[in-house]
Amino acid sequence: MSAEDAETKLACNSLILDEKTILVAEELPDLANALAKAGQEVITTPFDVVYLWGGAFRCWHHPLVRDSRMD
């Protein structure tokens, strides 16, 4: 992953789905390949239009499940 990808595409801002699965923008093939080589299941999707507004996956999603218990 390049510094440019980190800055312009917020490359570290991916969506972790579980302990072994991560959603990565398809515009970041170096990152996707590195994560796959590290043993992660990588799902890629087109995501380039979101960068125009200065956001990435973390800005784009909300929790799918919330634990309503208070510890």
Protein backbone atom coordinates (compact mmCIF):
# COMPACT_ATOMS: atom_id res chain seq x y z
CA MET A 1 0.00 0.00 0.00
CA SER A 2 1.36 3.39 -0.93
CA ALA A 3 1.33 6.55 1.14
CA GLU A 4 -0.83 8.08 -1.58
CA ASP A 5 -3.44 5.31 -1.18
CA ALA A 6 -3.40 5.85 2.57
CA GLU A 7 -3.93 9.58 2.16
CA THR A 8 -6.33 9.81 -0.79
CA LYS A 9 -8.26 6.54 -0.39
CA LEU A 10 -8.06 6.16 3.39
CA ALA A 11 -6.65 2.69 2.77
CA CYS A 12 -6.48 1.72 6.44
CA ASN A 13 -10.19 2.47 6.72
CA SER A 14 -11.59 -0.93 5.74
CA LEU A 15 -14.55 -2.80 7.21
CA ILE A 16 -13.73 -5.80 9.39
CA LEU A 17 -16.62 -8.24 9.26
CA ASP A 18 -15.24 -10.84 11.66
CA GLU A 19 -11.91 -12.21 12.88
CA LYS A 20 -10.94 -13.50 9.43
CA THR A 21 -12.94 -11.44 6.94
CA ILE A 22 -12.40 -7.87 5.78
CA LEU A 23 -14.07 -5.70 3.15
CA VAL A 24 -11.61 -3.64 1.11
CA ALA A 25 -12.12 -1.22 -1.76
CA GLU A 26 -11.20 -2.87 -5.06
CA GLU A 27 -9.17 0.24 -5.88
CA LEU A 28 -6.64 -0.98 -3.28
CA PRO A 29 -5.32 -4.23 -4.79
CA ASP A 30 -1.94 -4.04 -2.99
CA LEU A 31 -3.71 -3.85 0.37
CA ALA A 32 -6.13 -6.64 -0.54
CA ASN A 33 -3.27 -8.89 -1.65
CA ALA A 34 -1.23 -8.21 1.49
CA LEU A 35 -4.19 -9.01 3.73
CA ALA A 36 -4.93 -12.21 1.79
CA LYS A 37 -1.28 -13.28 2.12
CA ALA A 38 -1.61 -12.69 5.88
CA GLY A 39 -4.46 -15.21 6.00
CA GLN A 40 -7.49 -12.94 5.81
CA GLU A 41 -10.48 -13.59 3.59
CA VAL A 42 -10.69 -10.39 1.58
CA ILE A 43 -13.87 -9.24 -0.11
CA THR A 44 -13.42 -6.37 -2.55
CA THR A 45 -16.02 -3.98 -3.90
CA PRO A 46 -15.97 -0.82 -6.02
CA PHE A 47 -15.77 2.14 -3.67
CA ASP A 48 -14.04 4.98 -5.51
CA VAL A 49 -16.96 7.43 -5.57
CA VAL A 50 -17.07 7.64 -1.75
CA TYR A 51 -13.55 9.09 -1.64
CA LEU A 52 -14.88 12.23 -3.34
CA TRP A 53 -16.57 13.16 -0.05
CA GLY A 54 -13.50 12.40 2.04
CA GLY A 55 -14.74 9.18 3.57
CA ALA A 56 -14.27 5.44 3.37
CA PHE A 57 -15.82 2.32 4.89
CA ARG A 58 -15.80 3.46 8.49
CA CYS A 59 -17.67 6.64 7.58
CA TRP A 60 -20.03 4.75 5.30
CA HIS A 61 -21.47 2.11 7.62
CA HIS A 62 -23.29 1.79 10.91
CA PRO A 63 -23.28 -1.21 13.26
CA LEU A 64 -25.40 -4.06 11.97
CA VAL A 65 -25.97 -5.55 15.42
CA ARG A 66 -25.77 -3.83 18.77
CA ASP A 67 -25.52 -5.49 22.13
CA SER A 68 -28.12 -3.76 24.26
CA ARG A 69 -26.77 -5.20 27.53
CA MET A 70 -24.92 -2.76 29.70
CA ASP A 71 -21.92 -4.29 31.44
